[in-house]
Amino acid sequence: MSLSNRRGFTVLVTVLAVFIFMLGIGGCDSPDEDEAVVEETEEVEAVEEAEEVVEEAEEEDDTIKEADVDADAEAIDLDEWRNPTDLATLISLFEELEWSWATFEDGIETETFVINYSFLGSETVDGVETDLAEITFEDQQLRVWIDGQGNVAQAEIDGEVLPGEYADVMMDGMLMSLFWPFWTIDEFGVEEMITEPTPGVNWSEVSTEQVQFNGVGAEVTRLQLDLGPPATPEGEEASVVWAIADFGGEFQMLTEWSVEETEVDDFSFTMNVNKVVPR
């Protein structure tokens, strides 16, 4: 019996039990006292039996639900999903991290970006203890001082110092553009897509293997997702590969993202994490 049928059966049994009980109360105007006792006893027993059936059905439902959740969890572990979507997360997890992405049109690579992050230690800025991070991309160097609340206390772009709130505002858009592969994947709801049925999304596990990121090992699971409406705009479909790396159960994050097929123009891209040095 399916879950939906079993729930319907559970409700039906409950309604029938109450209905039988109510009929027993008002079904006879002047029953013999002994007959009334017998009928009442039978009605109580009927209700108790019905309640037992309901409890058994509900317990079976719970067991099935738990089994479904466990099966999903065994497929891919996302209990410690810590995608680095901002500097505060980067600083908490990594000494160094390098990621890159490339875009293609008509099979020809059109742009390539390589971003390097390094944690440089702690410094005091205007009496506030901060963590100092450096990010380089193309020919630009960016240093950012982050306070204990995750706010930008100071920034330096190619040698020009930006203080306080001005730096916070300036860094917001710039950092978003650098972190977009990570926060976009979170906006897609990767955890929900993988662990719960999602309309328009069909995914399958392509492979699981041990991968070295500049000497740091992780178990990497590659997933292929075939996307269509309503997960994508009407008329658009795509085939996407995501790679999820599990660093010894400490945390999981995206390490690869590629669009293999799309029906919108002939555009595709790949993103890869190349170097990982945890703190």
C-alpha atoms as a PDB file:
ATOM      1  CA  MET A   1       0.000   0.000   0.000  1.00  0.00           C
ATOM      2  CA  SER A   2       1.373   3.389  -0.977  1.00  0.00           C
ATOM      3  CA  LEU A   3       1.904   6.205   1.540  1.00  0.00           C
ATOM      4  CA  SER A   4      -1.011   8.199   0.149  1.00  0.00           C
ATOM      5  CA  ASN A   5      -3.330   5.159   0.248  1.00  0.00           C
ATOM      6  CA  ARG A   6      -2.183   4.298   3.765  1.00  0.00           C
ATOM      7  CA  ARG A   7      -2.849   7.833   4.998  1.00  0.00           C
ATOM      8  CA  GLY A   8      -6.308   7.657   3.440  1.00  0.00           C
ATOM      9  CA  PHE A   9      -6.908   4.337   5.163  1.00  0.00           C
ATOM     10  CA  THR A  10      -5.780   5.823   8.482  1.00  0.00           C
ATOM     11  CA  VAL A  11      -8.235   8.698   8.189  1.00  0.00           C
ATOM     12  CA  LEU A  12     -11.011   6.358   7.068  1.00  0.00           C
ATOM     13  CA  VAL A  13     -10.514   4.064  10.070  1.00  0.00           C
ATOM     14  CA  THR A  14     -10.571   7.017  12.456  1.00  0.00           C
ATOM     15  CA  VAL A  15     -13.772   8.424  10.955  1.00  0.00           C
ATOM     16  CA  LEU A  16     -15.457   5.027  10.981  1.00  0.00           C
ATOM     17  CA  ALA A  17     -14.495   4.481  14.623  1.00  0.00           C
ATOM     18  CA  VAL A  18     -16.018   7.802  15.685  1.00  0.00           C
ATOM     19  CA  PHE A  19     -19.095   7.189  13.515  1.00  0.00           C
ATOM     20  CA  ILE A  20     -19.685   3.728  15.061  1.00  0.00           C
ATOM     21  CA  PHE A  21     -19.234   5.177  18.529  1.00  0.00           C
ATOM     22  CA  MET A  22     -21.759   7.956  17.852  1.00  0.00           C
ATOM     23  CA  LEU A  23     -24.282   5.476  16.408  1.00  0.00           C
ATOM     24  CA  GLY A  24     -23.991   3.386  19.550  1.00  0.00           C
ATOM     25  CA  ILE A  25     -24.844   6.403  21.707  1.00  0.00           C
ATOM     26  CA  GLY A  26     -27.922   7.535  19.817  1.00  0.00           C
ATOM     27  CA  GLY A  27     -29.067   4.506  17.857  1.00  0.00           C
ATOM     28  CA  CYS A  28     -31.649   3.161  20.368  1.00  0.00           C
ATOM     29  CA  ASP A  29     -34.144   5.047  22.509  1.00  0.00           C
ATOM     30  CA  SER A  30     -34.641   2.627  25.401  1.00  0.00           C
ATOM     31  CA  PRO A  31     -32.307  -0.384  25.375  1.00  0.00           C
ATOM     32  CA  ASP A  32     -32.308  -2.962  28.109  1.00  0.00           C
ATOM     33  CA  GLU A  33     -29.676  -2.078  30.709  1.00  0.00           C
ATOM     34  CA  ASP A  34     -27.682  -5.272  30.110  1.00  0.00           C
ATOM     35  CA  GLU A  35     -27.842  -4.832  26.353  1.00  0.00           C
ATOM     36  CA  ALA A  36     -26.671  -1.214  26.763  1.00  0.00           C
ATOM     37  CA  VAL A  37     -23.658  -2.361  28.759  1.00  0.00           C
ATOM     38  CA  VAL A  38     -22.822  -5.003  26.167  1.00  0.00           C
ATOM     39  CA  GLU A  39     -23.215  -2.545  23.299  1.00  0.00           C
ATOM     40  CA  GLU A  40     -21.133   0.071  25.071  1.00  0.00           C
ATOM     41  CA  THR A  41     -18.417  -2.493  25.750  1.00  0.00           C
ATOM     42  CA  GLU A  42     -18.413  -3.583  22.119  1.00  0.00           C
ATOM     43  CA  GLU A  43     -18.272   0.027  20.974  1.00  0.00           C
ATOM     44  CA  VAL A  44     -15.314   0.800  23.237  1.00  0.00           C
ATOM     45  CA  GLU A  45     -13.527  -2.318  22.001  1.00  0.00           C
ATOM     46  CA  ALA A  46     -14.223  -1.306  18.401  1.00  0.00           C
ATOM     47  CA  VAL A  47     -12.823   2.161  19.008  1.00  0.00           C
ATOM     48  CA  GLU A  48      -9.749   0.743  20.771  1.00  0.00           C
ATOM     49  CA  GLU A  49      -9.139  -1.694  17.897  1.00  0.00           C
ATOM     50  CA  ALA A  50      -9.523   1.127  15.388  1.00  0.00           C
ATOM     51  CA  GLU A  51      -7.092   3.295  17.361  1.00  0.00           C
ATOM     52  CA  GLU A  52      -4.572   0.440  17.401  1.00  0.00           C
ATOM     53  CA  VAL A  53      -4.872   0.124  13.622  1.00  0.00           C
ATOM     54  CA  VAL A  54      -4.350   3.889  13.282  1.00  0.00           C
ATOM     55  CA  GLU A  55      -1.276   3.823  15.544  1.00  0.00           C
ATOM     56  CA  GLU A  56       0.214   0.879  13.634  1.00  0.00           C
ATOM     57  CA  ALA A  57      -0.392   2.633  10.296  1.00  0.00           C
ATOM     58  CA  GLU A  58       1.164   5.866  11.575  1.00  0.00           C
ATOM     59  CA  GLU A  59       4.185   4.004  12.955  1.00  0.00           C
ATOM     60  CA  GLU A  60       4.619   2.282   9.597  1.00  0.00           C
ATOM     61  CA  ASP A  61       4.394   5.666   7.839  1.00  0.00           C
ATOM     62  CA  ASP A  62       7.084   7.075  10.142  1.00  0.00           C
ATOM     63  CA  THR A  63       9.296   4.060   9.503  1.00  0.00           C
ATOM     64  CA  ILE A  64       8.968   4.467   5.747  1.00  0.00           C
ATOM     65  CA  LYS A  65       9.687   8.210   5.960  1.00  0.00           C
ATOM     66  CA  GLU A  66      12.773   7.591   8.096  1.00  0.00           C
ATOM     67  CA  ALA A  67      13.948   4.936   5.659  1.00  0.00           C
ATOM     68  CA  ASP A  68      13.496   7.338   2.746  1.00  0.00           C
ATOM     69  CA  VAL A  69      15.499  10.044   4.539  1.00  0.00           C
ATOM     70  CA  ASP A  70      18.234   7.611   5.459  1.00  0.00           C
ATOM     71  CA  ALA A  71      18.446   6.346   1.872  1.00  0.00           C
ATOM     72  CA  ASP A  72      18.849   9.892   0.590  1.00  0.00           C
ATOM     73  CA  ALA A  73      21.471  10.701   3.241  1.00  0.00           C
ATOM     74  CA  GLU A  74      23.476   7.605   2.305  1.00  0.00           C
ATOM     75  CA  ALA A  75      23.496   8.645  -1.358  1.00  0.00           C
ATOM     76  CA  ILE A  76      25.431  11.837  -0.619  1.00  0.00           C
ATOM     77  CA  ASP A  77      26.273  13.422   2.713  1.00  0.00           C
ATOM     78  CA  LEU A  78      25.478  17.146   2.972  1.00  0.00           C
ATOM     79  CA  ASP A  79      25.222  17.396   6.753  1.00  0.00           C
ATOM     80  CA  GLU A  80      28.171  19.838   6.872  1.00  0.00           C
ATOM     81  CA  TRP A  81      27.513  21.809   3.703  1.00  0.00           C
ATOM     82  CA  ARG A  82      29.834  24.836   3.943  1.00  0.00           C
ATOM     83  CA  ASN A  83      30.009  26.339   0.480  1.00  0.00           C
ATOM     84  CA  PRO A  84      32.317  29.414   0.721  1.00  0.00           C
ATOM     85  CA  THR A  85      29.870  32.113  -0.350  1.00  0.00           C
ATOM     86  CA  ASP A  86      31.604  34.952   1.516  1.00  0.00           C
ATOM     87  CA  LEU A  87      34.905  35.974   3.068  1.00  0.00           C
ATOM     88  CA  ALA A  88      33.847  35.085   6.607  1.00  0.00           C
ATOM     89  CA  THR A  89      33.288  31.451   5.549  1.00  0.00           C
ATOM     90  CA  LEU A  90      36.527  31.387   3.566  1.00  0.00           C
ATOM     91  CA  ILE A  91      38.491  32.652   6.559  1.00  0.00           C
ATOM     92  CA  SER A  92      36.912  30.122   8.912  1.00  0.00           C
ATOM     93  CA  LEU A  93      37.725  27.168   6.641  1.00  0.00           C
ATOM     94  CA  PHE A  94      40.813  27.858   4.549  1.00  0.00           C
ATOM     95  CA  GLU A  95      44.370  29.087   4.600  1.00  0.00           C
ATOM     96  CA  GLU A  96      44.325  29.073   0.810  1.00  0.00           C
ATOM     97  CA  LEU A  97      41.796  28.407  -1.919  1.00  0.00           C
ATOM     98  CA  GLU A  98      42.031  28.743  -5.683  1.00  0.00           C
ATOM     99  CA  TRP A  99      39.120  28.463  -8.069  1.00  0.00           C
ATOM    100  CA  SER A 100      38.621  29.305 -11.719  1.00  0.00           C
ATOM    101  CA  TRP A 101      35.940  29.444 -14.352  1.00  0.00           C
ATOM    102  CA  ALA A 102      35.890  29.618 -18.129  1.00  0.00           C
ATOM    103  CA  THR A 103      33.114  30.499 -20.575  1.00  0.00           C
ATOM    104  CA  PHE A 104      32.655  29.089 -24.072  1.00  0.00           C
ATOM    105  CA  GLU A 105      30.690  30.117 -27.123  1.00  0.00           C
ATOM    106  CA  ASP A 106      30.362  27.789 -30.108  1.00  0.00           C
ATOM    107  CA  GLY A 107      32.915  25.550 -28.394  1.00  0.00           C
ATOM    108  CA  ILE A 108      35.543  28.284 -28.239  1.00  0.00           C
ATOM    109  CA  GLU A 109      36.838  29.521 -24.888  1.00  0.00           C
ATOM    110  CA  THR A 110      36.042  33.226 -24.597  1.00  0.00           C
ATOM    111  CA  GLU A 111      37.008  34.119 -21.006  1.00  0.00           C
ATOM    112  CA  THR A 112      38.984  32.567 -18.170  1.00  0.00           C
ATOM    113  CA  PHE A 113      39.243  33.834 -14.596  1.00  0.00           C
ATOM    114  CA  VAL A 114      41.493  32.490 -11.834  1.00  0.00           C
ATOM    115  CA  ILE A 115      40.915  33.649  -8.244  1.00  0.00           C
ATOM    116  CA  ASN A 116      43.395  33.033  -5.436  1.00  0.00           C
ATOM    117  CA  TYR A 117      42.547  33.506  -1.774  1.00  0.00           C
ATOM    118  CA  SER A 118      45.039  33.499   1.119  1.00  0.00           C
ATOM    119  CA  PHE A 119      44.591  34.038   4.853  1.00  0.00           C
ATOM    120  CA  LEU A 120      47.332  36.375   6.076  1.00  0.00           C
ATOM    121  CA  GLY A 121      46.624  36.394   9.833  1.00  0.00           C
ATOM    122  CA  SER A 122      45.135  38.828  12.342  1.00  0.00           C
ATOM    123  CA  GLU A 123      45.616  42.589  12.603  1.00  0.00           C
ATOM    124  CA  THR A 124      44.107  45.422  14.642  1.00  0.00           C
ATOM    125  CA  VAL A 125      42.276  48.126  12.687  1.00  0.00           C
ATOM    126  CA  ASP A 126      41.097  51.200  14.625  1.00  0.00           C
ATOM    127  CA  GLY A 127      41.252  49.228  17.864  1.00  0.00           C
ATOM    128  CA  VAL A 128      39.259  46.291  16.439  1.00  0.00           C
ATOM    129  CA  GLU A 129      40.733  42.803  16.042  1.00  0.00           C
ATOM    130  CA  THR A 130      40.341  41.656  12.438  1.00  0.00           C
ATOM    131  CA  ASP A 131      41.268  38.787  10.124  1.00  0.00           C
ATOM    132  CA  LEU A 132      43.222  39.761   7.025  1.00  0.00           C
ATOM    133  CA  ALA A 133      42.587  38.043   3.715  1.00  0.00           C
ATOM    134  CA  GLU A 134      44.132  38.601   0.317  1.00  0.00           C
ATOM    135  CA  ILE A 135      42.443  37.873  -3.002  1.00  0.00           C
ATOM    136  CA  THR A 136      44.132  38.146  -6.384  1.00  0.00           C
ATOM    137  CA  PHE A 137      42.445  37.859  -9.764  1.00  0.00           C
ATOM    138  CA  GLU A 138      43.824  38.742 -13.170  1.00  0.00           C
ATOM    139  CA  ASP A 139      46.192  41.660 -12.468  1.00  0.00           C
ATOM    140  CA  GLN A 140      44.383  42.964  -9.374  1.00  0.00           C
ATOM    141  CA  GLN A 141      45.258  42.503  -5.709  1.00  0.00           C
ATOM    142  CA  LEU A 142      42.630  42.942  -3.014  1.00  0.00           C
ATOM    143  CA  ARG A 143      43.228  42.900   0.746  1.00  0.00           C
ATOM    144  CA  VAL A 144      40.272  42.854   3.135  1.00  0.00           C
ATOM    145  CA  TRP A 145      40.166  43.141   6.918  1.00  0.00           C
ATOM    146  CA  ILE A 146      37.103  41.366   8.408  1.00  0.00           C
ATOM    147  CA  ASP A 147      35.900  41.988  11.958  1.00  0.00           C
ATOM    148  CA  GLY A 148      34.311  39.457  14.308  1.00  0.00           C
ATOM    149  CA  GLN A 149      30.827  40.138  12.889  1.00  0.00           C
ATOM    150  CA  GLY A 150      31.912  39.395   9.327  1.00  0.00           C
ATOM    151  CA  ASN A 151      31.914  43.076   8.284  1.00  0.00           C
ATOM    152  CA  VAL A 152      34.627  44.736   6.223  1.00  0.00           C
ATOM    153  CA  ALA A 153      36.612  46.989   8.590  1.00  0.00           C
ATOM    154  CA  GLN A 154      39.066  48.077   5.907  1.00  0.00           C
ATOM    155  CA  ALA A 155      40.034  47.213   2.352  1.00  0.00           C
ATOM    156  CA  GLU A 156      42.947  47.856   0.057  1.00  0.00           C
ATOM    157  CA  ILE A 157      42.662  47.686  -3.730  1.00  0.00           C
ATOM    158  CA  ASP A 158      45.954  47.794  -5.619  1.00  0.00           C
ATOM    159  CA  GLY A 159      47.534  49.800  -2.786  1.00  0.00           C
ATOM    160  CA  GLU A 160      44.625  52.225  -2.231  1.00  0.00           C
ATOM    161  CA  VAL A 161      43.154  51.961   1.284  1.00  0.00           C
ATOM    162  CA  LEU A 162      39.369  52.173   1.717  1.00  0.00           C
ATOM    163  CA  PRO A 163      38.248  52.699   5.330  1.00  0.00           C
ATOM    164  CA  GLY A 164      35.201  51.515   7.274  1.00  0.00           C
ATOM    165  CA  GLU A 165      31.675  51.607   5.864  1.00  0.00           C
ATOM    166  CA  TYR A 166      32.888  52.864   2.487  1.00  0.00           C
ATOM    167  CA  ALA A 167      35.005  49.722   2.109  1.00  0.00           C
ATOM    168  CA  ASP A 168      32.060  47.538   3.169  1.00  0.00           C
ATOM    169  CA  VAL A 169      29.836  49.009   0.460  1.00  0.00           C
ATOM    170  CA  MET A 170      32.542  48.872  -2.214  1.00  0.00           C
ATOM    171  CA  MET A 171      33.467  45.269  -1.416  1.00  0.00           C
ATOM    172  CA  ASP A 172      29.910  43.939  -1.451  1.00  0.00           C
ATOM    173  CA  GLY A 173      29.454  43.903  -5.224  1.00  0.00           C
ATOM    174  CA  MET A 174      33.064  43.011  -5.981  1.00  0.00           C
ATOM    175  CA  LEU A 175      33.109  40.008  -3.655  1.00  0.00           C
ATOM    176  CA  MET A 176      29.735  38.825  -4.968  1.00  0.00           C
ATOM    177  CA  SER A 177      31.153  38.767  -8.492  1.00  0.00           C
ATOM    178  CA  LEU A 178      34.113  36.677  -7.293  1.00  0.00           C
ATOM    179  CA  PHE A 179      32.050  34.232  -5.248  1.00  0.00           C
ATOM    180  CA  TRP A 180      29.203  33.864  -7.736  1.00  0.00           C
ATOM    181  CA  PRO A 181      29.810  30.159  -8.593  1.00  0.00           C
ATOM    182  CA  PHE A 182      29.380  29.279  -4.905  1.00  0.00           C
ATOM    183  CA  TRP A 183      26.460  31.480  -3.942  1.00  0.00           C
ATOM    184  CA  THR A 184      24.623  30.733  -7.210  1.00  0.00           C
ATOM    185  CA  ILE A 185      24.737  27.028  -6.456  1.00  0.00           C
ATOM    186  CA  ASP A 186      23.302  27.758  -3.023  1.00  0.00           C
ATOM    187  CA  GLU A 187      20.556  29.874  -4.621  1.00  0.00           C
ATOM    188  CA  PHE A 188      19.673  26.870  -6.756  1.00  0.00           C
ATOM    189  CA  GLY A 189      19.097  24.965  -3.521  1.00  0.00           C
ATOM    190  CA  VAL A 190      21.565  22.133  -4.124  1.00  0.00           C
ATOM    191  CA  GLU A 191      20.672  20.403  -0.843  1.00  0.00           C
ATOM    192  CA  GLU A 192      16.950  20.379  -1.606  1.00  0.00           C
ATOM    193  CA  MET A 193      17.501  19.287  -5.216  1.00  0.00           C
ATOM    194  CA  ILE A 194      19.570  16.294  -4.146  1.00  0.00           C
ATOM    195  CA  THR A 195      17.653  15.174  -1.056  1.00  0.00           C
ATOM    196  CA  GLU A 196      14.063  15.946  -2.112  1.00  0.00           C
ATOM    197  CA  PRO A 197      12.096  15.380  -5.344  1.00  0.00           C
ATOM    198  CA  THR A 198      12.175  18.608  -7.364  1.00  0.00           C
ATOM    199  CA  PRO A 199       9.910  19.223 -10.381  1.00  0.00           C
ATOM    200  CA  GLY A 200      11.931  19.671 -13.541  1.00  0.00           C
ATOM    201  CA  VAL A 201      15.094  18.142 -12.041  1.00  0.00           C
ATOM    202  CA  ASN A 202      16.348  14.632 -12.750  1.00  0.00           C
ATOM    203  CA  TRP A 203      19.712  13.784 -11.240  1.00  0.00           C
ATOM    204  CA  SER A 204      21.954  10.757 -11.167  1.00  0.00           C
ATOM    205  CA  GLU A 205      25.280   9.945  -9.566  1.00  0.00           C
ATOM    206  CA  VAL A 206      27.968   9.753 -12.241  1.00  0.00           C
ATOM    207  CA  SER A 207      30.977   8.747 -10.149  1.00  0.00           C
ATOM    208  CA  THR A 208      32.585   8.839  -6.707  1.00  0.00           C
ATOM    209  CA  GLU A 209      36.345   8.960  -6.326  1.00  0.00           C
ATOM    210  CA  GLN A 210      39.179  10.219  -4.166  1.00  0.00           C
ATOM    211  CA  VAL A 211      40.633  13.468  -5.518  1.00  0.00           C
ATOM    212  CA  GLN A 212      43.733  15.383  -4.425  1.00  0.00           C
ATOM    213  CA  PHE A 213      43.480  19.169  -4.262  1.00  0.00           C
ATOM    214  CA  ASN A 214      47.123  20.198  -4.143  1.00  0.00           C
ATOM    215  CA  GLY A 215      47.837  17.410  -1.670  1.00  0.00           C
ATOM    216  CA  VAL A 216      44.560  17.591   0.301  1.00  0.00           C
ATOM    217  CA  GLY A 217      42.342  14.568  -0.272  1.00  0.00           C
ATOM    218  CA  ALA A 218      38.552  14.535  -0.555  1.00  0.00           C
ATOM    219  CA  GLU A 219      35.846  12.151  -1.675  1.00  0.00           C
ATOM    220  CA  VAL A 220      34.273  13.763  -4.721  1.00  0.00           C
ATOM    221  CA  THR A 221      30.835  12.756  -5.964  1.00  0.00           C
ATOM    222  CA  ARG A 222      29.886  13.913  -9.454  1.00  0.00           C
ATOM    223  CA  LEU A 223      26.210  14.383 -10.161  1.00  0.00           C
ATOM    224  CA  GLN A 224      24.532  14.951 -13.497  1.00  0.00           C
ATOM    225  CA  LEU A 225      21.389  17.053 -13.430  1.00  0.00           C
ATOM    226  CA  ASP A 226      19.039  17.277 -16.389  1.00  0.00           C
ATOM    227  CA  LEU A 227      17.047  20.466 -15.926  1.00  0.00           C
ATOM    228  CA  GLY A 228      13.820  21.569 -17.553  1.00  0.00           C
ATOM    229  CA  PRO A 229      10.671  23.570 -16.713  1.00  0.00           C
ATOM    230  CA  PRO A 230       9.605  24.485 -14.073  1.00  0.00           C
ATOM    231  CA  ALA A 231      13.196  24.397 -12.724  1.00  0.00           C
ATOM    232  CA  THR A 232      14.228  26.430 -15.778  1.00  0.00           C
ATOM    233  CA  PRO A 233      12.348  29.072 -17.777  1.00  0.00           C
ATOM    234  CA  GLU A 234       9.826  27.736 -20.295  1.00  0.00           C
ATOM    235  CA  GLY A 235      11.549  26.449 -23.410  1.00  0.00           C
ATOM    236  CA  GLU A 236      14.965  26.129 -21.765  1.00  0.00           C
ATOM    237  CA  GLU A 237      16.722  22.881 -20.875  1.00  0.00           C
ATOM    238  CA  ALA A 238      20.240  22.117 -19.738  1.00  0.00           C
ATOM    239  CA  SER A 239      22.488  19.272 -18.665  1.00  0.00           C
ATOM    240  CA  VAL A 240      24.687  20.201 -15.712  1.00  0.00           C
ATOM    241  CA  VAL A 241      27.432  18.399 -13.784  1.00  0.00           C
ATOM    242  CA  TRP A 242      28.086  19.292 -10.155  1.00  0.00           C
ATOM    243  CA  ALA A 243      30.945  17.833  -8.139  1.00  0.00           C
ATOM    244  CA  ILE A 244      30.523  17.783  -4.363  1.00  0.00           C
ATOM    245  CA  ALA A 245      33.684  17.233  -2.308  1.00  0.00           C
ATOM    246  CA  ASP A 246      33.592  15.810   1.207  1.00  0.00           C
ATOM    247  CA  PHE A 247      36.727  16.758   3.142  1.00  0.00           C
ATOM    248  CA  GLY A 248      36.869  13.946   5.678  1.00  0.00           C
ATOM    249  CA  GLY A 249      33.396  14.645   7.035  1.00  0.00           C
ATOM    250  CA  GLU A 250      34.514  18.079   8.247  1.00  0.00           C
ATOM    251  CA  PHE A 251      32.643  19.943   5.526  1.00  0.00           C
ATOM    252  CA  GLN A 252      31.286  19.573   2.005  1.00  0.00           C
ATOM    253  CA  MET A 253      31.490  22.128  -0.800  1.00  0.00           C
ATOM    254  CA  LEU A 254      31.154  22.550  -4.543  1.00  0.00           C
ATOM    255  CA  THR A 255      34.398  21.847  -6.426  1.00  0.00           C
ATOM    256  CA  GLU A 256      33.216  21.585 -10.030  1.00  0.00           C
ATOM    257  CA  TRP A 257      30.343  22.936 -12.049  1.00  0.00           C
ATOM    258  CA  SER A 258      29.935  22.579 -15.782  1.00  0.00           C
ATOM    259  CA  VAL A 259      27.099  23.160 -18.223  1.00  0.00           C
ATOM    260  CA  GLU A 260      27.350  20.417 -20.814  1.00  0.00           C
ATOM    261  CA  GLU A 261      24.297  21.128 -22.937  1.00  0.00           C
ATOM    262  CA  THR A 262      21.941  24.048 -23.288  1.00  0.00           C
ATOM    263  CA  GLU A 263      19.268  24.949 -25.825  1.00  0.00           C
ATOM    264  CA  VAL A 264      19.806  28.680 -25.318  1.00  0.00           C
ATOM    265  CA  ASP A 265      22.429  29.773 -27.864  1.00  0.00           C
ATOM    266  CA  ASP A 266      25.662  27.773 -27.834  1.00  0.00           C
ATOM    267  CA  PHE A 267      26.939  28.970 -24.483  1.00  0.00           C
ATOM    268  CA  SER A 268      28.545  26.891 -21.739  1.00  0.00           C
ATOM    269  CA  PHE A 269      30.979  27.276 -18.875  1.00  0.00           C
ATOM    270  CA  THR A 270      33.069  25.290 -16.427  1.00  0.00           C
ATOM    271  CA  MET A 271      34.116  26.099 -12.879  1.00  0.00           C
ATOM    272  CA  ASN A 272      36.745  24.212 -10.882  1.00  0.00           C
ATOM    273  CA  VAL A 273      38.372  24.406  -7.461  1.00  0.00           C
ATOM    274  CA  ASN A 274      42.074  23.836  -8.080  1.00  0.00           C
ATOM    275  CA  LYS A 275      43.749  24.250  -4.692  1.00  0.00           C
ATOM    276  CA  VAL A 276      42.555  23.685  -1.111  1.00  0.00           C
ATOM    277  CA  VAL A 277      44.556  24.339   2.076  1.00  0.00           C
ATOM    278  CA  PRO A 278      42.262  24.000   5.130  1.00  0.00           C
ATOM    279  CA  ARG A 279      42.945  25.913   8.335  1.00  0.00           C
END
